[in-house]
Amino acid sequence: MTRTLSHPCTEKDRHHRWNLVLAERERLLRLAVSRLGRISDAEDCVQEAMLRAAAFDALDESRVAALLTTITLRLCVDHQRGTQRDRRLAVRVHVLRRPEPDPGSEVEHRVCDRAAGAWLLTQLPGLGNRERDVLLARARGLTTAETANALQITYKSAESAFTRARSRLRALYHQEMAR
């Protein structure tokens, strides 16, 4: 016959309950260390498991070891999940956290972008007529479909011409920057 301990009311009941729980401490600690690797994390999980078990109203003396094992393993899994979540969050924060731009460098970037754009415009005569027309229409803000309608060509032709023009201009730009 198993004995279920009700919520301890007397000091003797509390003492008996803690003796049942403390008898499993070393085994639980070995189990938690094997799962978590760090003794400090394992100690935290075991302490929490022991507190939960000791405070459990329907504690069954014959099942104390199984209850403590279950609680400890679940706490270890929760700890590992939390650690992984924190690592993923740290990576996201690091990626999202960019150094504040120097106010002067923002102006420099705009000036360089404008100079590059002006240089690219000087290269347009080297493109074919369709490529040039499609690129200029897209630069004015038209979509590929609107460009195709305006130039009376198919959508696929407009898309291909735009891709070829960008590719040629990109190659010219990289050649110029390599000099």
C-alpha atoms as a PDB file:
ATOM      1  CA  MET A   1       0.000   0.000   0.000  1.00  0.00           C
ATOM      2  CA  THR A   2       1.395   3.383  -0.981  1.00  0.00           C
ATOM      3  CA  ARG A   3       1.229   6.254   1.382  1.00  0.00           C
ATOM      4  CA  THR A   4       0.243   9.626  -0.003  1.00  0.00           C
ATOM      5  CA  LEU A   5       1.394  12.544   2.047  1.00  0.00           C
ATOM      6  CA  SER A   6      -1.056  15.334   2.352  1.00  0.00           C
ATOM      7  CA  HIS A   7       0.138  18.887   2.571  1.00  0.00           C
ATOM      8  CA  PRO A   8       2.361  18.876   5.655  1.00  0.00           C
ATOM      9  CA  CYS A   9       0.886  20.664   8.571  1.00  0.00           C
ATOM     10  CA  THR A  10       3.336  19.662  11.228  1.00  0.00           C
ATOM     11  CA  GLU A  11       7.056  20.116  11.459  1.00  0.00           C
ATOM     12  CA  LYS A  12       7.446  16.317  11.540  1.00  0.00           C
ATOM     13  CA  ASP A  13       5.577  15.932   8.207  1.00  0.00           C
ATOM     14  CA  ARG A  14       7.691  18.643   6.566  1.00  0.00           C
ATOM     15  CA  HIS A  15      10.869  17.045   7.863  1.00  0.00           C
ATOM     16  CA  HIS A  16       9.804  13.607   6.568  1.00  0.00           C
ATOM     17  CA  ARG A  17       8.890  15.067   3.161  1.00  0.00           C
ATOM     18  CA  TRP A  18      12.257  16.828   2.803  1.00  0.00           C
ATOM     19  CA  ASN A  19      14.125  13.659   3.831  1.00  0.00           C
ATOM     20  CA  LEU A  20      12.359  11.793   1.018  1.00  0.00           C
ATOM     21  CA  VAL A  21      13.298  14.493  -1.480  1.00  0.00           C
ATOM     22  CA  LEU A  22      16.874  15.038  -0.252  1.00  0.00           C
ATOM     23  CA  ALA A  23      17.632  11.318  -0.508  1.00  0.00           C
ATOM     24  CA  GLU A  24      17.443  11.714  -4.315  1.00  0.00           C
ATOM     25  CA  ARG A  25      19.606  14.843  -4.582  1.00  0.00           C
ATOM     26  CA  GLU A  26      22.923  13.269  -5.674  1.00  0.00           C
ATOM     27  CA  ARG A  27      21.263  11.079  -8.307  1.00  0.00           C
ATOM     28  CA  LEU A  28      19.334  14.044  -9.663  1.00  0.00           C
ATOM     29  CA  LEU A  29      22.477  16.164  -9.741  1.00  0.00           C
ATOM     30  CA  ARG A  30      24.333  13.528 -11.795  1.00  0.00           C
ATOM     31  CA  LEU A  31      21.358  13.303 -14.146  1.00  0.00           C
ATOM     32  CA  ALA A  32      21.130  17.084 -14.600  1.00  0.00           C
ATOM     33  CA  VAL A  33      24.893  17.497 -15.108  1.00  0.00           C
ATOM     34  CA  SER A  34      24.809  14.806 -17.804  1.00  0.00           C
ATOM     35  CA  ARG A  35      22.078  16.771 -19.594  1.00  0.00           C
ATOM     36  CA  LEU A  36      23.300  20.342 -19.090  1.00  0.00           C
ATOM     37  CA  GLY A  37      27.059  20.027 -18.731  1.00  0.00           C
ATOM     38  CA  ARG A  38      27.443  22.836 -16.211  1.00  0.00           C
ATOM     39  CA  ILE A  39      27.225  22.130 -12.502  1.00  0.00           C
ATOM     40  CA  SER A  40      25.697  25.542 -11.726  1.00  0.00           C
ATOM     41  CA  ASP A  41      22.841  25.021 -14.182  1.00  0.00           C
ATOM     42  CA  ALA A  42      22.334  21.476 -12.913  1.00  0.00           C
ATOM     43  CA  GLU A  43      22.191  22.724  -9.302  1.00  0.00           C
ATOM     44  CA  ASP A  44      19.526  25.245 -10.255  1.00  0.00           C
ATOM     45  CA  CYS A  45      17.369  22.588 -11.933  1.00  0.00           C
ATOM     46  CA  VAL A  46      17.745  20.111  -9.063  1.00  0.00           C
ATOM     47  CA  GLN A  47      16.949  22.722  -6.422  1.00  0.00           C
ATOM     48  CA  GLU A  48      13.832  23.788  -8.329  1.00  0.00           C
ATOM     49  CA  ALA A  49      12.744  20.152  -8.765  1.00  0.00           C
ATOM     50  CA  MET A  50      13.205  19.446  -5.065  1.00  0.00           C
ATOM     51  CA  LEU A  51      11.201  22.527  -4.095  1.00  0.00           C
ATOM     52  CA  ARG A  52       8.377  21.596  -6.451  1.00  0.00           C
ATOM     53  CA  ALA A  53       8.276  18.000  -5.222  1.00  0.00           C
ATOM     54  CA  ALA A  54       8.376  18.984  -1.547  1.00  0.00           C
ATOM     55  CA  ALA A  55       5.511  21.415  -2.099  1.00  0.00           C
ATOM     56  CA  PHE A  56       3.451  18.904  -4.119  1.00  0.00           C
ATOM     57  CA  ASP A  57       0.266  18.214  -2.144  1.00  0.00           C
ATOM     58  CA  ALA A  58      -0.308  14.681  -3.431  1.00  0.00           C
ATOM     59  CA  LEU A  59       3.263  13.434  -2.976  1.00  0.00           C
ATOM     60  CA  ASP A  60       3.306   9.627  -3.099  1.00  0.00           C
ATOM     61  CA  GLU A  61       6.214   8.187  -1.064  1.00  0.00           C
ATOM     62  CA  SER A  62       6.661   5.249  -3.409  1.00  0.00           C
ATOM     63  CA  ARG A  63       6.904   7.509  -6.479  1.00  0.00           C
ATOM     64  CA  VAL A  64       9.114  10.316  -5.145  1.00  0.00           C
ATOM     65  CA  ALA A  65      12.115   9.216  -7.267  1.00  0.00           C
ATOM     66  CA  ALA A  66      10.064   9.040 -10.475  1.00  0.00           C
ATOM     67  CA  LEU A  67       8.421  12.410  -9.797  1.00  0.00           C
ATOM     68  CA  LEU A  68      11.768  14.067  -9.095  1.00  0.00           C
ATOM     69  CA  THR A  69      13.313  12.528 -12.213  1.00  0.00           C
ATOM     70  CA  THR A  70      10.460  13.778 -14.386  1.00  0.00           C
ATOM     71  CA  ILE A  71      10.542  17.283 -12.912  1.00  0.00           C
ATOM     72  CA  THR A  72      14.334  17.491 -13.201  1.00  0.00           C
ATOM     73  CA  LEU A  73      14.406  16.324 -16.832  1.00  0.00           C
ATOM     74  CA  ARG A  74      11.675  18.759 -17.808  1.00  0.00           C
ATOM     75  CA  LEU A  75      13.496  21.602 -16.089  1.00  0.00           C
ATOM     76  CA  CYS A  76      16.694  20.625 -17.947  1.00  0.00           C
ATOM     77  CA  VAL A  77      14.851  20.693 -21.271  1.00  0.00           C
ATOM     78  CA  ASP A  78      13.307  24.070 -20.398  1.00  0.00           C
ATOM     79  CA  HIS A  79      16.749  25.386 -19.485  1.00  0.00           C
ATOM     80  CA  GLN A  80      18.264  24.153 -22.774  1.00  0.00           C
ATOM     81  CA  ARG A  81      15.433  25.690 -24.785  1.00  0.00           C
ATOM     82  CA  GLY A  82      15.863  28.985 -22.974  1.00  0.00           C
ATOM     83  CA  THR A  83      19.603  28.936 -23.623  1.00  0.00           C
ATOM     84  CA  GLN A  84      19.085  28.231 -27.337  1.00  0.00           C
ATOM     85  CA  ARG A  85      16.433  30.954 -27.565  1.00  0.00           C
ATOM     86  CA  ASP A  86      18.807  33.420 -25.895  1.00  0.00           C
ATOM     87  CA  ARG A  87      21.590  32.496 -28.334  1.00  0.00           C
ATOM     88  CA  ARG A  88      19.316  32.999 -31.341  1.00  0.00           C
ATOM     89  CA  LEU A  89      18.135  36.316 -29.939  1.00  0.00           C
ATOM     90  CA  ALA A  90      21.702  37.438 -29.306  1.00  0.00           C
ATOM     91  CA  VAL A  91      22.567  36.733 -32.954  1.00  0.00           C
ATOM     92  CA  ARG A  92      19.535  38.712 -34.136  1.00  0.00           C
ATOM     93  CA  VAL A  93      20.331  41.619 -31.846  1.00  0.00           C
ATOM     94  CA  HIS A  94      23.943  41.618 -33.012  1.00  0.00           C
ATOM     95  CA  VAL A  95      22.844  41.587 -36.661  1.00  0.00           C
ATOM     96  CA  LEU A  96      20.259  44.302 -36.113  1.00  0.00           C
ATOM     97  CA  ARG A  97      22.484  46.482 -33.967  1.00  0.00           C
ATOM     98  CA  ARG A  98      24.455  48.571 -36.393  1.00  0.00           C
ATOM     99  CA  PRO A  99      26.827  51.277 -35.348  1.00  0.00           C
ATOM    100  CA  GLU A 100      25.395  54.734 -35.568  1.00  0.00           C
ATOM    101  CA  PRO A 101      26.454  56.232 -38.877  1.00  0.00           C
ATOM    102  CA  ASP A 102      28.748  59.183 -38.743  1.00  0.00           C
ATOM    103  CA  PRO A 103      26.704  62.180 -39.970  1.00  0.00           C
ATOM    104  CA  GLY A 104      29.537  63.029 -42.327  1.00  0.00           C
ATOM    105  CA  SER A 105      29.666  59.524 -43.786  1.00  0.00           C
ATOM    106  CA  GLU A 106      25.953  59.640 -44.673  1.00  0.00           C
ATOM    107  CA  VAL A 107      26.577  62.749 -46.743  1.00  0.00           C
ATOM    108  CA  GLU A 108      29.613  61.099 -48.316  1.00  0.00           C
ATOM    109  CA  HIS A 109      27.532  58.067 -49.284  1.00  0.00           C
ATOM    110  CA  ARG A 110      24.885  60.243 -50.915  1.00  0.00           C
ATOM    111  CA  VAL A 111      27.505  62.160 -52.871  1.00  0.00           C
ATOM    112  CA  CYS A 112      29.157  58.921 -54.019  1.00  0.00           C
ATOM    113  CA  ASP A 113      25.793  57.409 -54.997  1.00  0.00           C
ATOM    114  CA  ARG A 114      24.937  60.466 -57.082  1.00  0.00           C
ATOM    115  CA  ALA A 115      28.342  60.428 -58.747  1.00  0.00           C
ATOM    116  CA  ALA A 116      27.967  56.723 -59.556  1.00  0.00           C
ATOM    117  CA  GLY A 117      24.465  57.346 -60.939  1.00  0.00           C
ATOM    118  CA  ALA A 118      25.718  60.215 -63.125  1.00  0.00           C
ATOM    119  CA  TRP A 119      28.554  58.039 -64.416  1.00  0.00           C
ATOM    120  CA  LEU A 120      26.117  55.195 -65.198  1.00  0.00           C
ATOM    121  CA  LEU A 121      23.942  57.621 -67.204  1.00  0.00           C
ATOM    122  CA  THR A 122      26.955  58.436 -69.364  1.00  0.00           C
ATOM    123  CA  GLN A 123      27.226  54.729 -70.194  1.00  0.00           C
ATOM    124  CA  LEU A 124      23.643  54.427 -71.537  1.00  0.00           C
ATOM    125  CA  PRO A 125      24.587  55.133 -75.171  1.00  0.00           C
ATOM    126  CA  GLY A 126      26.597  51.893 -75.119  1.00  0.00           C
ATOM    127  CA  LEU A 127      23.410  49.883 -74.547  1.00  0.00           C
ATOM    128  CA  GLY A 128      21.005  48.714 -77.197  1.00  0.00           C
ATOM    129  CA  ASN A 129      17.911  50.888 -77.865  1.00  0.00           C
ATOM    130  CA  ARG A 130      15.450  48.522 -76.173  1.00  0.00           C
ATOM    131  CA  GLU A 131      17.697  48.014 -73.139  1.00  0.00           C
ATOM    132  CA  ARG A 132      18.187  51.776 -72.778  1.00  0.00           C
ATOM    133  CA  ASP A 133      14.448  52.523 -73.136  1.00  0.00           C
ATOM    134  CA  VAL A 134      13.462  49.849 -70.609  1.00  0.00           C
ATOM    135  CA  LEU A 135      16.114  50.958 -68.126  1.00  0.00           C
ATOM    136  CA  LEU A 136      15.079  54.623 -68.357  1.00  0.00           C
ATOM    137  CA  ALA A 137      11.395  53.727 -67.950  1.00  0.00           C
ATOM    138  CA  ARG A 138      12.199  51.673 -64.856  1.00  0.00           C
ATOM    139  CA  ALA A 139      14.353  54.518 -63.519  1.00  0.00           C
ATOM    140  CA  ARG A 140      11.312  56.831 -63.854  1.00  0.00           C
ATOM    141  CA  GLY A 141       9.446  54.435 -61.546  1.00  0.00           C
ATOM    142  CA  LEU A 142       7.393  52.377 -63.982  1.00  0.00           C
ATOM    143  CA  THR A 143       6.846  48.709 -63.232  1.00  0.00           C
ATOM    144  CA  THR A 144       7.931  46.059 -65.695  1.00  0.00           C
ATOM    145  CA  ALA A 145       4.318  45.614 -66.861  1.00  0.00           C
ATOM    146  CA  GLU A 146       3.856  49.378 -67.350  1.00  0.00           C
ATOM    147  CA  THR A 147       7.163  49.563 -69.213  1.00  0.00           C
ATOM    148  CA  ALA A 148       6.117  46.708 -71.505  1.00  0.00           C
ATOM    149  CA  ASN A 149       2.802  48.458 -72.268  1.00  0.00           C
ATOM    150  CA  ALA A 150       4.467  51.821 -72.883  1.00  0.00           C
ATOM    151  CA  LEU A 151       7.058  50.325 -75.241  1.00  0.00           C
ATOM    152  CA  GLN A 152       4.530  47.939 -76.806  1.00  0.00           C
ATOM    153  CA  ILE A 153       6.589  44.832 -76.072  1.00  0.00           C
ATOM    154  CA  THR A 154       5.845  41.712 -74.064  1.00  0.00           C
ATOM    155  CA  TYR A 155       6.388  41.564 -70.354  1.00  0.00           C
ATOM    156  CA  LYS A 156       9.091  38.920 -70.803  1.00  0.00           C
ATOM    157  CA  SER A 157      10.926  41.097 -73.357  1.00  0.00           C
ATOM    158  CA  ALA A 158      10.869  44.063 -70.982  1.00  0.00           C
ATOM    159  CA  GLU A 159      12.104  41.895 -68.136  1.00  0.00           C
ATOM    160  CA  SER A 160      14.922  40.416 -70.246  1.00  0.00           C
ATOM    161  CA  ALA A 161      16.016  43.802 -71.560  1.00  0.00           C
ATOM    162  CA  PHE A 162      16.111  45.218 -68.037  1.00  0.00           C
ATOM    163  CA  THR A 163      18.160  42.270 -66.766  1.00  0.00           C
ATOM    164  CA  ARG A 164      20.634  42.547 -69.650  1.00  0.00           C
ATOM    165  CA  ALA A 165      20.988  46.313 -69.179  1.00  0.00           C
ATOM    166  CA  ARG A 166      21.632  45.967 -65.456  1.00  0.00           C
ATOM    167  CA  SER A 167      24.146  43.209 -66.066  1.00  0.00           C
ATOM    168  CA  ARG A 168      26.065  45.254 -68.644  1.00  0.00           C
ATOM    169  CA  LEU A 169      26.071  48.389 -66.509  1.00  0.00           C
ATOM    170  CA  ARG A 170      27.170  46.397 -63.449  1.00  0.00           C
ATOM    171  CA  ALA A 171      30.087  44.932 -65.422  1.00  0.00           C
ATOM    172  CA  LEU A 172      31.110  48.382 -66.691  1.00  0.00           C
ATOM    173  CA  TYR A 173      30.875  49.808 -63.173  1.00  0.00           C
ATOM    174  CA  HIS A 174      33.069  47.063 -61.704  1.00  0.00           C
ATOM    175  CA  GLN A 175      35.624  47.541 -64.461  1.00  0.00           C
ATOM    176  CA  GLU A 176      35.716  51.277 -63.731  1.00  0.00           C
ATOM    177  CA  MET A 177      36.080  50.723 -59.971  1.00  0.00           C
ATOM    178  CA  ALA A 178      38.884  48.219 -60.532  1.00  0.00           C
ATOM    179  CA  ARG A 179      41.017  50.825 -62.261  1.00  0.00           C
END
